[in-house]
Amino acid sequence: MSRALWFLGVTAAMATLTWVVAWWMVPVVAAVWAYARRGDVAVPLLAGLAAIVAWGLLLALSASAAPAGSVLRSVGAAMQVGAGPLLVLTLAFPALLASSAAALVRAVTRPDEVTA
């Protein structure tokens, strides 16, 4: 199966399981993906990108019901970071979780051969 299909599947799994179960499913999905594709050196990077896309979609769905930017402004003001940096921090969190989980699994499993 190609990288693009894996990426779409992992993105869908991260978004769905985050919505249904909890945020901690992001590193679980990334770890399973890294184990399944342990020969692919790009998995940690792609896991982080998949997490950004998945949470971006979830944020867009959640924000569509609220007045434009209301939550970002109020929470950003409470945290004293502003709306833009809060959005970046919110998307960086799952990216770091997924990338580190995938990199850990990749380091522990030590694949016999590496594919590009």
PDB file of N, CA and C in Angstrom:
ATOM      1  N   MET A   1       0.854  -1.166   0.000  1.00  0.00           N
ATOM      2  CA  MET A   1       0.000   0.000   0.000  1.00  0.00           C
ATOM      3  C   MET A   1       0.905   1.237   0.000  1.00  0.00           C
ATOM      4  N   SER A   2       0.534   2.244  -0.724  1.00  0.00           N
ATOM      5  CA  SER A   2       1.388   3.425  -0.861  1.00  0.00           C
ATOM      6  C   SER A   2       1.361   4.292   0.402  1.00  0.00           C
ATOM      7  N   ARG A   3       2.364   5.157   0.490  1.00  0.00           N
ATOM      8  CA  ARG A   3       2.448   6.070   1.629  1.00  0.00           C
ATOM      9  C   ARG A   3       1.235   6.979   1.727  1.00  0.00           C
ATOM     10  N   ALA A   4       0.741   7.437   0.585  1.00  0.00           N
ATOM     11  CA  ALA A   4      -0.405   8.355   0.581  1.00  0.00           C
ATOM     12  C   ALA A   4      -1.644   7.690   1.186  1.00  0.00           C
ATOM     13  N   LEU A   5      -1.888   6.429   0.834  1.00  0.00           N
ATOM     14  CA  LEU A   5      -3.038   5.726   1.405  1.00  0.00           C
ATOM     15  C   LEU A   5      -2.853   5.480   2.894  1.00  0.00           C
ATOM     16  N   TRP A   6      -1.646   5.109   3.295  1.00  0.00           N
ATOM     17  CA  TRP A   6      -1.364   4.946   4.726  1.00  0.00           C
ATOM     18  C   TRP A   6      -1.600   6.252   5.462  1.00  0.00           C
ATOM     19  N   PHE A   7      -1.112   7.353   4.874  1.00  0.00           N
ATOM     20  CA  PHE A   7      -1.263   8.667   5.499  1.00  0.00           C
ATOM     21  C   PHE A   7      -2.740   9.020   5.677  1.00  0.00           C
ATOM     22  N   LEU A   8      -3.533   8.819   4.646  1.00  0.00           N
ATOM     23  CA  LEU A   8      -4.968   9.119   4.742  1.00  0.00           C
ATOM     24  C   LEU A   8      -5.655   8.230   5.777  1.00  0.00           C
ATOM     25  N   GLY A   9      -5.291   6.959   5.797  1.00  0.00           N
ATOM     26  CA  GLY A   9      -5.876   6.050   6.775  1.00  0.00           C
ATOM     27  C   GLY A   9      -5.511   6.406   8.201  1.00  0.00           C
ATOM     28  N   VAL A  10      -4.257   6.744   8.406  1.00  0.00           N
ATOM     29  CA  VAL A  10      -3.814   7.120   9.753  1.00  0.00           C
ATOM     30  C   VAL A  10      -4.451   8.440  10.186  1.00  0.00           C
ATOM     31  N   THR A  11      -4.567   9.382   9.263  1.00  0.00           N
ATOM     32  CA  THR A  11      -5.223  10.655   9.578  1.00  0.00           C
ATOM     33  C   THR A  11      -6.675  10.413   9.976  1.00  0.00           C
ATOM     34  N   ALA A  12      -7.371   9.591   9.217  1.00  0.00           N
ATOM     35  CA  ALA A  12      -8.764   9.273   9.545  1.00  0.00           C
ATOM     36  C   ALA A  12      -8.869   8.546  10.883  1.00  0.00           C
ATOM     37  N   ALA A  13      -7.950   7.617  11.131  1.00  0.00           N
ATOM     38  CA  ALA A  13      -7.970   6.883  12.405  1.00  0.00           C
ATOM     39  C   ALA A  13      -7.707   7.813  13.579  1.00  0.00           C
ATOM     40  N   MET A  14      -6.731   8.710  13.425  1.00  0.00           N
ATOM     41  CA  MET A  14      -6.437   9.658  14.513  1.00  0.00           C
ATOM     42  C   MET A  14      -7.624  10.569  14.796  1.00  0.00           C
ATOM     43  N   ALA A  15      -8.242  11.097  13.750  1.00  0.00           N
ATOM     44  CA  ALA A  15      -9.381  11.990  13.942  1.00  0.00           C
ATOM     45  C   ALA A  15     -10.560  11.250  14.568  1.00  0.00           C
ATOM     46  N   THR A  16     -10.866  10.085  14.037  1.00  0.00           N
ATOM     47  CA  THR A  16     -12.018   9.328  14.542  1.00  0.00           C
ATOM     48  C   THR A  16     -11.809   8.876  15.975  1.00  0.00           C
ATOM     49  N   LEU A  17     -10.644   8.299  16.259  1.00  0.00           N
ATOM     50  CA  LEU A  17     -10.408   7.796  17.618  1.00  0.00           C
ATOM     51  C   LEU A  17     -10.239   8.921  18.633  1.00  0.00           C
ATOM     52  N   THR A  18      -9.733  10.065  18.211  1.00  0.00           N
ATOM     53  CA  THR A  18      -9.680  11.206  19.123  1.00  0.00           C
ATOM     54  C   THR A  18     -11.087  11.667  19.453  1.00  0.00           C
ATOM     55  N   TRP A  19     -11.944  11.706  18.452  1.00  0.00           N
ATOM     56  CA  TRP A  19     -13.328  12.145  18.654  1.00  0.00           C
ATOM     57  C   TRP A  19     -14.099  11.151  19.533  1.00  0.00           C
ATOM     58  N   VAL A  20     -13.915   9.858  19.282  1.00  0.00           N
ATOM     59  CA  VAL A  20     -14.697   8.837  19.976  1.00  0.00           C
ATOM     60  C   VAL A  20     -14.105   8.474  21.338  1.00  0.00           C
ATOM     61  N   VAL A  21     -12.774   8.339  21.415  1.00  0.00           N
ATOM     62  CA  VAL A  21     -12.151   7.862  22.652  1.00  0.00           C
ATOM     63  C   VAL A  21     -11.547   9.027  23.434  1.00  0.00           C
ATOM     64  N   ALA A  22     -10.391   9.525  22.993  1.00  0.00           N
ATOM     65  CA  ALA A  22      -9.719  10.619  23.703  1.00  0.00           C
ATOM     66  C   ALA A  22      -8.471  11.037  22.931  1.00  0.00           C
ATOM     67  N   TRP A  23      -7.831  12.091  23.402  1.00  0.00           N
ATOM     68  CA  TRP A  23      -6.642  12.647  22.757  1.00  0.00           C
ATOM     69  C   TRP A  23      -5.479  11.665  22.746  1.00  0.00           C
ATOM     70  N   TRP A  24      -5.401  10.783  23.728  1.00  0.00           N
ATOM     71  CA  TRP A  24      -4.252   9.889  23.834  1.00  0.00           C
ATOM     72  C   TRP A  24      -4.246   8.798  22.768  1.00  0.00           C
ATOM     73  N   MET A  25      -5.265   8.754  21.940  1.00  0.00           N
ATOM     74  CA  MET A  25      -5.255   7.798  20.834  1.00  0.00           C
ATOM     75  C   MET A  25      -4.290   8.226  19.727  1.00  0.00           C
ATOM     76  N   VAL A  26      -3.909   9.500  19.688  1.00  0.00           N
ATOM     77  CA  VAL A  26      -2.961   9.982  18.678  1.00  0.00           C
ATOM     78  C   VAL A  26      -1.630   9.230  18.777  1.00  0.00           C
ATOM     79  N   PRO A  27      -0.975   9.174  19.949  1.00  0.00           N
ATOM     80  CA  PRO A  27       0.277   8.416  19.997  1.00  0.00           C
ATOM     81  C   PRO A  27       0.075   6.907  19.833  1.00  0.00           C
ATOM     82  N   VAL A  28      -1.071   6.396  20.221  1.00  0.00           N
ATOM     83  CA  VAL A  28      -1.338   4.964  20.051  1.00  0.00           C
ATOM     84  C   VAL A  28      -1.416   4.621  18.566  1.00  0.00           C
ATOM     85  N   VAL A  29      -2.165   5.411  17.806  1.00  0.00           N
ATOM     86  CA  VAL A  29      -2.279   5.176  16.355  1.00  0.00           C
ATOM     87  C   VAL A  29      -0.918   5.346  15.687  1.00  0.00           C
ATOM     88  N   ALA A  30      -0.176   6.369  16.085  1.00  0.00           N
ATOM     89  CA  ALA A  30       1.151   6.596  15.501  1.00  0.00           C
ATOM     90  C   ALA A  30       2.092   5.437  15.806  1.00  0.00           C
ATOM     91  N   ALA A  31       2.018   4.900  17.017  1.00  0.00           N
ATOM     92  CA  ALA A  31       2.877   3.768  17.379  1.00  0.00           C
ATOM     93  C   ALA A  31       2.519   2.520  16.580  1.00  0.00           C
ATOM     94  N   VAL A  32       1.238   2.268  16.410  1.00  0.00           N
ATOM     95  CA  VAL A  32       0.805   1.106  15.621  1.00  0.00           C
ATOM     96  C   VAL A  32       1.249   1.272  14.170  1.00  0.00           C
ATOM     97  N   TRP A  33       1.101   2.473  13.642  1.00  0.00           N
ATOM     98  CA  TRP A  33       1.521   2.747  12.265  1.00  0.00           C
ATOM     99  C   TRP A  33       3.028   2.560  12.112  1.00  0.00           C
ATOM    100  N   ALA A  34       3.783   3.049  13.082  1.00  0.00           N
ATOM    101  CA  ALA A  34       5.237   2.908  13.023  1.00  0.00           C
ATOM    102  C   ALA A  34       5.647   1.444  13.081  1.00  0.00           C
ATOM    103  N   TYR A  35       4.928   0.656  13.853  1.00  0.00           N
ATOM    104  CA  TYR A  35       5.249  -0.767  13.913  1.00  0.00           C
ATOM    105  C   TYR A  35       4.898  -1.462  12.594  1.00  0.00           C
ATOM    106  N   ALA A  36       3.748  -1.107  12.038  1.00  0.00           N
ATOM    107  CA  ALA A  36       3.326  -1.729  10.774  1.00  0.00           C
ATOM    108  C   ALA A  36       4.242  -1.337   9.621  1.00  0.00           C
ATOM    109  N   ARG A  37       4.761  -0.120   9.659  1.00  0.00           N
ATOM    110  CA  ARG A  37       5.627   0.385   8.590  1.00  0.00           C
ATOM    111  C   ARG A  37       7.039   0.626   9.121  1.00  0.00           C
ATOM    112  N   ARG A  38       7.557  -0.283   9.932  1.00  0.00           N
ATOM    113  CA  ARG A  38       8.836  -0.065  10.607  1.00  0.00           C
ATOM    114  C   ARG A  38      10.026   0.076   9.672  1.00  0.00           C
ATOM    115  N   GLY A  39       9.882  -0.300   8.413  1.00  0.00           N
ATOM    116  CA  GLY A  39      10.963  -0.136   7.456  1.00  0.00           C
ATOM    117  C   GLY A  39      10.963   1.219   6.771  1.00  0.00           C
ATOM    118  N   ASP A  40       9.932   2.015   6.990  1.00  0.00           N
ATOM    119  CA  ASP A  40       9.789   3.309   6.322  1.00  0.00           C
ATOM    120  C   ASP A  40      10.358   4.413   7.219  1.00  0.00           C
ATOM    121  N   VAL A  41      11.402   5.077   6.742  1.00  0.00           N
ATOM    122  CA  VAL A  41      12.070   6.096   7.552  1.00  0.00           C
ATOM    123  C   VAL A  41      11.244   7.360   7.731  1.00  0.00           C
ATOM    124  N   ALA A  42      10.244   7.586   6.896  1.00  0.00           N
ATOM    125  CA  ALA A  42       9.452   8.811   6.951  1.00  0.00           C
ATOM    126  C   ALA A  42       8.274   8.738   7.919  1.00  0.00           C
ATOM    127  N   VAL A  43       8.054   7.613   8.554  1.00  0.00           N
ATOM    128  CA  VAL A  43       6.878   7.445   9.405  1.00  0.00           C
ATOM    129  C   VAL A  43       6.793   8.466  10.540  1.00  0.00           C
ATOM    130  N   PRO A  44       7.849   8.764  11.294  1.00  0.00           N
ATOM    131  CA  PRO A  44       7.691   9.765  12.359  1.00  0.00           C
ATOM    132  C   PRO A  44       7.265  11.140  11.840  1.00  0.00           C
ATOM    133  N   LEU A  45       7.839  11.571  10.748  1.00  0.00           N
ATOM    134  CA  LEU A  45       7.447  12.855  10.162  1.00  0.00           C
ATOM    135  C   LEU A  45       6.005  12.810   9.670  1.00  0.00           C
ATOM    136  N   LEU A  46       5.644  11.761   8.963  1.00  0.00           N
ATOM    137  CA  LEU A  46       4.282  11.647   8.445  1.00  0.00           C
ATOM    138  C   LEU A  46       3.255  11.472   9.557  1.00  0.00           C
ATOM    139  N   ALA A  47       3.638  10.829  10.643  1.00  0.00           N
ATOM    140  CA  ALA A  47       2.727  10.694  11.784  1.00  0.00           C
ATOM    141  C   ALA A  47       2.431  12.064  12.384  1.00  0.00           C
ATOM    142  N   GLY A  48       3.446  12.902  12.496  1.00  0.00           N
ATOM    143  CA  GLY A  48       3.232  14.258  12.996  1.00  0.00           C
ATOM    144  C   GLY A  48       2.342  15.066  12.079  1.00  0.00           C
ATOM    145  N   LEU A  49       2.556  14.952  10.778  1.00  0.00           N
ATOM    146  CA  LEU A  49       1.709  15.668   9.819  1.00  0.00           C
ATOM    147  C   LEU A  49       0.275  15.148   9.842  1.00  0.00           C
ATOM    148  N   ALA A  50       0.114  13.837   9.975  1.00  0.00           N
ATOM    149  CA  ALA A  50      -1.230  13.258  10.056  1.00  0.00           C
ATOM    150  C   ALA A  50      -1.959  13.763  11.299  1.00  0.00           C
ATOM    151  N   ALA A  51      -1.237  13.896  12.396  1.00  0.00           N
ATOM    152  CA  ALA A  51      -1.855  14.400  13.625  1.00  0.00           C
ATOM    153  C   ALA A  51      -2.286  15.858  13.465  1.00  0.00           C
ATOM    154  N   ILE A  52      -1.470  16.664  12.795  1.00  0.00           N
ATOM    155  CA  ILE A  52      -1.837  18.061  12.553  1.00  0.00           C
ATOM    156  C   ILE A  52      -3.097  18.140  11.697  1.00  0.00           C
ATOM    157  N   VAL A  53      -3.146  17.349  10.642  1.00  0.00           N
ATOM    158  CA  VAL A  53      -4.315  17.362   9.760  1.00  0.00           C
ATOM    159  C   VAL A  53      -5.556  16.863  10.499  1.00  0.00           C
ATOM    160  N   ALA A  54      -5.405  15.779  11.260  1.00  0.00           N
ATOM    161  CA  ALA A  54      -6.544  15.213  11.983  1.00  0.00           C
ATOM    162  C   ALA A  54      -7.102  16.206  12.998  1.00  0.00           C
ATOM    163  N   TRP A  55      -6.245  16.793  13.804  1.00  0.00           N
ATOM    164  CA  TRP A  55      -6.729  17.741  14.801  1.00  0.00           C
ATOM    165  C   TRP A  55      -7.197  19.038  14.156  1.00  0.00           C
ATOM    166  N   GLY A  56      -6.602  19.419  13.055  1.00  0.00           N
ATOM    167  CA  GLY A  56      -7.086  20.592  12.325  1.00  0.00           C
ATOM    168  C   GLY A  56      -8.511  20.388  11.841  1.00  0.00           C
ATOM    169  N   LEU A  57      -8.795  19.194  11.332  1.00  0.00           N
ATOM    170  CA  LEU A  57     -10.160  18.877  10.907  1.00  0.00           C
ATOM    171  C   LEU A  57     -11.124  18.888  12.088  1.00  0.00           C
ATOM    172  N   LEU A  58     -10.702  18.310  13.203  1.00  0.00           N
ATOM    173  CA  LEU A  58     -11.563  18.309  14.394  1.00  0.00           C
ATOM    174  C   LEU A  58     -11.800  19.724  14.915  1.00  0.00           C
ATOM    175  N   LEU A  59     -10.765  20.550  14.901  1.00  0.00           N
ATOM    176  CA  LEU A  59     -10.938  21.945  15.326  1.00  0.00           C
ATOM    177  C   LEU A  59     -11.874  22.691  14.391  1.00  0.00           C
ATOM    178  N   ALA A  60     -11.735  22.451  13.094  1.00  0.00           N
ATOM    179  CA  ALA A  60     -12.611  23.117  12.130  1.00  0.00           C
ATOM    180  C   ALA A  60     -14.068  22.701  12.331  1.00  0.00           C
ATOM    181  N   LEU A  61     -14.292  21.406  12.577  1.00  0.00           N
ATOM    182  CA  LEU A  61     -15.655  20.936  12.830  1.00  0.00           C
ATOM    183  C   LEU A  61     -16.220  21.537  14.112  1.00  0.00           C
ATOM    184  N   SER A  62     -15.422  21.582  15.153  1.00  0.00           N
ATOM    185  CA  SER A  62     -15.875  22.133  16.424  1.00  0.00           C
ATOM    186  C   SER A  62     -16.112  23.633  16.329  1.00  0.00           C
ATOM    187  N   ALA A  63     -15.255  24.316  15.601  1.00  0.00           N
ATOM    188  CA  ALA A  63     -15.371  25.772  15.502  1.00  0.00           C
ATOM    189  C   ALA A  63     -16.510  26.201  14.593  1.00  0.00           C
ATOM    190  N   SER A  64     -16.977  25.310  13.729  1.00  0.00           N
ATOM    191  CA  SER A  64     -18.054  25.690  12.817  1.00  0.00           C
ATOM    192  C   SER A  64     -19.361  25.971  13.544  1.00  0.00           C
ATOM    193  N   ALA A  65     -19.520  25.444  14.748  1.00  0.00           N
ATOM    194  CA  ALA A  65     -20.741  25.662  15.513  1.00  0.00           C
ATOM    195  C   ALA A  65     -20.657  26.910  16.388  1.00  0.00           C
ATOM    196  N   ALA A  66     -19.465  27.441  16.609  1.00  0.00           N
ATOM    197  CA  ALA A  66     -19.290  28.598  17.489  1.00  0.00           C
ATOM    198  C   ALA A  66     -19.119  29.873  16.662  1.00  0.00           C
ATOM    199  N   PRO A  67     -19.328  31.020  17.282  1.00  0.00           N
ATOM    200  CA  PRO A  67     -19.032  32.268  16.576  1.00  0.00           C
ATOM    201  C   PRO A  67     -17.550  32.324  16.204  1.00  0.00           C
ATOM    202  N   ALA A  68     -17.245  32.897  15.072  1.00  0.00           N
ATOM    203  CA  ALA A  68     -15.889  32.883  14.512  1.00  0.00           C
ATOM    204  C   ALA A  68     -14.843  33.379  15.506  1.00  0.00           C
ATOM    205  N   GLY A  69     -13.939  32.502  15.886  1.00  0.00           N
ATOM    206  CA  GLY A  69     -12.798  32.860  16.716  1.00  0.00           C
ATOM    207  C   GLY A  69     -13.103  33.151  18.172  1.00  0.00           C
ATOM    208  N   SER A  70     -14.311  32.912  18.624  1.00  0.00           N
ATOM    209  CA  SER A  70     -14.664  33.279  19.993  1.00  0.00           C
ATOM    210  C   SER A  70     -13.869  32.486  21.028  1.00  0.00           C
ATOM    211  N   VAL A  71     -13.732  31.199  20.823  1.00  0.00           N
ATOM    212  CA  VAL A  71     -13.000  30.376  21.774  1.00  0.00           C
ATOM    213  C   VAL A  71     -11.513  30.705  21.724  1.00  0.00           C
ATOM    214  N   LEU A  72     -10.962  30.865  20.522  1.00  0.00           N
ATOM    215  CA  LEU A  72      -9.543  31.205  20.387  1.00  0.00           C
ATOM    216  C   LEU A  72      -9.222  32.518  21.095  1.00  0.00           C
ATOM    217  N   ARG A  73     -10.080  33.497  20.913  1.00  0.00           N
ATOM    218  CA  ARG A  73      -9.813  34.795  21.553  1.00  0.00           C
ATOM    219  C   ARG A  73      -9.900  34.707  23.073  1.00  0.00           C
ATOM    220  N   SER A  74     -10.954  34.073  23.581  1.00  0.00           N
ATOM    221  CA  SER A  74     -11.136  34.040  25.035  1.00  0.00           C
ATOM    222  C   SER A  74     -10.086  33.170  25.731  1.00  0.00           C
ATOM    223  N   VAL A  75      -9.810  31.975  25.192  1.00  0.00           N
ATOM    224  CA  VAL A  75      -8.807  31.101  25.807  1.00  0.00           C
ATOM    225  C   VAL A  75      -7.410  31.673  25.606  1.00  0.00           C
ATOM    226  N   GLY A  76      -7.145  32.224  24.432  1.00  0.00           N
ATOM    227  CA  GLY A  76      -5.854  32.855  24.172  1.00  0.00           C
ATOM    228  C   GLY A  76      -5.594  34.022  25.106  1.00  0.00           C
ATOM    229  N   ALA A  77      -6.619  34.800  25.374  1.00  0.00           N
ATOM    230  CA  ALA A  77      -6.468  35.919  26.311  1.00  0.00           C
ATOM    231  C   ALA A  77      -6.237  35.410  27.731  1.00  0.00           C
ATOM    232  N   ALA A  78      -6.934  34.356  28.111  1.00  0.00           N
ATOM    233  CA  ALA A  78      -6.752  33.790  29.453  1.00  0.00           C
ATOM    234  C   ALA A  78      -5.346  33.227  29.634  1.00  0.00           C
ATOM    235  N   MET A  79      -4.794  32.650  28.574  1.00  0.00           N
ATOM    236  CA  MET A  79      -3.448  32.089  28.645  1.00  0.00           C
ATOM    237  C   MET A  79      -2.378  33.129  28.312  1.00  0.00           C
ATOM    238  N   GLN A  80      -2.802  34.306  27.925  1.00  0.00           N
ATOM    239  CA  GLN A  80      -1.914  35.416  27.584  1.00  0.00           C
ATOM    240  C   GLN A  80      -0.982  35.081  26.421  1.00  0.00           C
ATOM    241  N   VAL A  81      -1.522  34.381  25.414  1.00  0.00           N
ATOM    242  CA  VAL A  81      -0.729  34.077  24.231  1.00  0.00           C
ATOM    243  C   VAL A  81      -1.369  34.581  22.942  1.00  0.00           C
ATOM    244  N   GLY A  82      -2.615  34.935  22.961  1.00  0.00           N
ATOM    245  CA  GLY A  82      -3.286  35.374  21.746  1.00  0.00           C
ATOM    246  C   GLY A  82      -3.868  34.199  20.979  1.00  0.00           C
ATOM    247  N   ALA A  83      -4.671  34.521  19.970  1.00  0.00           N
ATOM    248  CA  ALA A  83      -5.394  33.491  19.221  1.00  0.00           C
ATOM    249  C   ALA A  83      -4.470  32.685  18.303  1.00  0.00           C
ATOM    250  N   GLY A  84      -3.607  33.354  17.562  1.00  0.00           N
ATOM    251  CA  GLY A  84      -2.723  32.666  16.618  1.00  0.00           C
ATOM    252  C   GLY A  84      -1.774  31.681  17.281  1.00  0.00           C
ATOM    253  N   PRO A  85      -1.011  32.146  18.284  1.00  0.00           N
ATOM    254  CA  PRO A  85      -0.123  31.205  18.968  1.00  0.00           C
ATOM    255  C   PRO A  85      -0.855  30.052  19.653  1.00  0.00           C
ATOM    256  N   LEU A  86      -2.072  30.297  20.125  1.00  0.00           N
ATOM    257  CA  LEU A  86      -2.838  29.219  20.746  1.00  0.00           C
ATOM    258  C   LEU A  86      -3.188  28.145  19.713  1.00  0.00           C
ATOM    259  N   LEU A  87      -3.538  28.561  18.515  1.00  0.00           N
ATOM    260  CA  LEU A  87      -3.830  27.601  17.457  1.00  0.00           C
ATOM    261  C   LEU A  87      -2.584  26.788  17.099  1.00  0.00           C
ATOM    262  N   VAL A  88      -1.449  27.458  17.010  1.00  0.00           N
ATOM    263  CA  VAL A  88      -0.191  26.758  16.708  1.00  0.00           C
ATOM    264  C   VAL A  88       0.156  25.763  17.818  1.00  0.00           C
ATOM    265  N   LEU A  89       0.009  26.186  19.066  1.00  0.00           N
ATOM    266  CA  LEU A  89       0.288  25.283  20.192  1.00  0.00           C
ATOM    267  C   LEU A  89      -0.673  24.095  20.213  1.00  0.00           C
ATOM    268  N   THR A  90      -1.925  24.358  19.877  1.00  0.00           N
ATOM    269  CA  THR A  90      -2.920  23.288  19.865  1.00  0.00           C
ATOM    270  C   THR A  90      -2.600  22.242  18.805  1.00  0.00           C
ATOM    271  N   LEU A  91      -2.096  22.660  17.666  1.00  0.00           N
ATOM    272  CA  LEU A  91      -1.743  21.714  16.609  1.00  0.00           C
ATOM    273  C   LEU A  91      -0.361  21.097  16.819  1.00  0.00           C
ATOM    274  N   ALA A  92       0.507  21.786  17.541  1.00  0.00           N
ATOM    275  CA  ALA A  92       1.840  21.235  17.826  1.00  0.00           C
ATOM    276  C   ALA A  92       1.766  20.076  18.822  1.00  0.00           C
ATOM    277  N   PHE A  93       0.807  20.133  19.734  1.00  0.00           N
ATOM    278  CA  PHE A  93       0.675  19.090  20.748  1.00  0.00           C
ATOM    279  C   PHE A  93       0.490  17.691  20.136  1.00  0.00           C
ATOM    280  N   PRO A  94      -0.505  17.460  19.267  1.00  0.00           N
ATOM    281  CA  PRO A  94      -0.636  16.112  18.698  1.00  0.00           C
ATOM    282  C   PRO A  94       0.520  15.763  17.764  1.00  0.00           C
ATOM    283  N   ALA A  95       1.080  16.760  17.089  1.00  0.00           N
ATOM    284  CA  ALA A  95       2.203  16.480  16.193  1.00  0.00           C
ATOM    285  C   ALA A  95       3.395  15.945  16.973  1.00  0.00           C
ATOM    286  N   LEU A  96       3.689  16.552  18.100  1.00  0.00           N
ATOM    287  CA  LEU A  96       4.801  16.097  18.928  1.00  0.00           C
ATOM    288  C   LEU A  96       4.514  14.727  19.549  1.00  0.00           C
ATOM    289  N   LEU A  97       3.271  14.507  19.966  1.00  0.00           N
ATOM    290  CA  LEU A  97       2.900  13.200  20.511  1.00  0.00           C
ATOM    291  C   LEU A  97       3.072  12.100  19.470  1.00  0.00           C
ATOM    292  N   ALA A  98       2.537  12.334  18.283  1.00  0.00           N
ATOM    293  CA  ALA A  98       2.584  11.307  17.238  1.00  0.00           C
ATOM    294  C   ALA A  98       4.006  11.061  16.754  1.00  0.00           C
ATOM    295  N   SER A  99       4.750  12.132  16.522  1.00  0.00           N
ATOM    296  CA  SER A  99       6.123  11.977  16.036  1.00  0.00           C
ATOM    297  C   SER A  99       6.997  11.244  17.041  1.00  0.00           C
ATOM    298  N   SER A 100       6.871  11.605  18.307  1.00  0.00           N
ATOM    299  CA  SER A 100       7.714  10.958  19.308  1.00  0.00           C
ATOM    300  C   SER A 100       7.323   9.500  19.524  1.00  0.00           C
ATOM    301  N   ALA A 101       6.033   9.193  19.478  1.00  0.00           N
ATOM    302  CA  ALA A 101       5.609   7.795  19.622  1.00  0.00           C
ATOM    303  C   ALA A 101       6.105   6.955  18.447  1.00  0.00           C
ATOM    304  N   ALA A 102       5.980   7.496  17.235  1.00  0.00           N
ATOM    305  CA  ALA A 102       6.439   6.763  16.055  1.00  0.00           C
ATOM    306  C   ALA A 102       7.956   6.594  16.063  1.00  0.00           C
ATOM    307  N   ALA A 103       8.675   7.629  16.466  1.00  0.00           N
ATOM    308  CA  ALA A 103      10.134   7.546  16.514  1.00  0.00           C
ATOM    309  C   ALA A 103      10.587   6.540  17.577  1.00  0.00           C
ATOM    310  N   LEU A 104       9.899   6.504  18.696  1.00  0.00           N
ATOM    311  CA  LEU A 104      10.235   5.545  19.749  1.00  0.00           C
ATOM    312  C   LEU A 104      10.030   4.108  19.278  1.00  0.00           C
ATOM    313  N   VAL A 105       8.897   3.850  18.664  1.00  0.00           N
ATOM    314  CA  VAL A 105       8.633   2.502  18.167  1.00  0.00           C
ATOM    315  C   VAL A 105       9.654   2.130  17.105  1.00  0.00           C
ATOM    316  N   ARG A 106       9.977   3.060  16.237  1.00  0.00           N
ATOM    317  CA  ARG A 106      10.962   2.802  15.192  1.00  0.00           C
ATOM    318  C   ARG A 106      12.335   2.509  15.775  1.00  0.00           C
ATOM    319  N   ALA A 107      12.706   3.219  16.833  1.00  0.00           N
ATOM    320  CA  ALA A 107      14.011   2.998  17.461  1.00  0.00           C
ATOM    321  C   ALA A 107      14.059   1.661  18.199  1.00  0.00           C
ATOM    322  N   VAL A 108      12.963   1.269  18.786  1.00  0.00           N
ATOM    323  CA  VAL A 108      12.926   0.026  19.559  1.00  0.00           C
ATOM    324  C   VAL A 108      12.853  -1.201  18.657  1.00  0.00           C
ATOM    325  N   THR A 109      12.127  -1.108  17.553  1.00  0.00           N
ATOM    326  CA  THR A 109      11.949  -2.290  16.705  1.00  0.00           C
ATOM    327  C   THR A 109      13.145  -2.581  15.812  1.00  0.00           C
ATOM    328  N   ARG A 110      13.933  -1.591  15.476  1.00  0.00           N
ATOM    329  CA  ARG A 110      15.140  -1.768  14.649  1.00  0.00           C
ATOM    330  C   ARG A 110      14.875  -2.636  13.425  1.00  0.00           C
ATOM    331  N   PRO A 111      14.329  -2.069  12.370  1.00  0.00           N
ATOM    332  CA  PRO A 111      14.006  -2.868  11.182  1.00  0.00           C
ATOM    333  C   PRO A 111      15.260  -3.446  10.527  1.00  0.00           C
ATOM    334  N   ASP A 112      15.092  -4.608   9.928  1.00  0.00           N
ATOM    335  CA  ASP A 112      16.215  -5.261   9.253  1.00  0.00           C
ATOM    336  C   ASP A 112      16.633  -4.513   8.005  1.00  0.00           C
ATOM    337  N   GLU A 113      15.651  -4.045   7.267  1.00  0.00           N
ATOM    338  CA  GLU A 113      15.977  -3.281   6.063  1.00  0.00           C
ATOM    339  C   GLU A 113      15.144  -2.017   6.039  1.00  0.00           C
ATOM    340  N   VAL A 114      15.718  -0.979   5.529  1.00  0.00           N
ATOM    341  CA  VAL A 114      15.049   0.313   5.493  1.00  0.00           C
ATOM    342  C   VAL A 114      14.639   0.587   4.061  1.00  0.00           C
ATOM    343  N   THR A 115      13.365   0.979   3.889  1.00  0.00           N
ATOM    344  CA  THR A 115      12.866   1.338   2.570  1.00  0.00           C
ATOM    345  C   THR A 115      12.685   2.838   2.506  1.00  0.00           C
ATOM    346  N   ALA A 116      12.830   3.385   1.355  1.00  0.00           N
ATOM    347  CA  ALA A 116      12.707   4.837   1.197  1.00  0.00           C
ATOM    348  C   ALA A 116      11.282   5.262   1.078  1.00  0.00           C
TER     349      ALA A 116
END
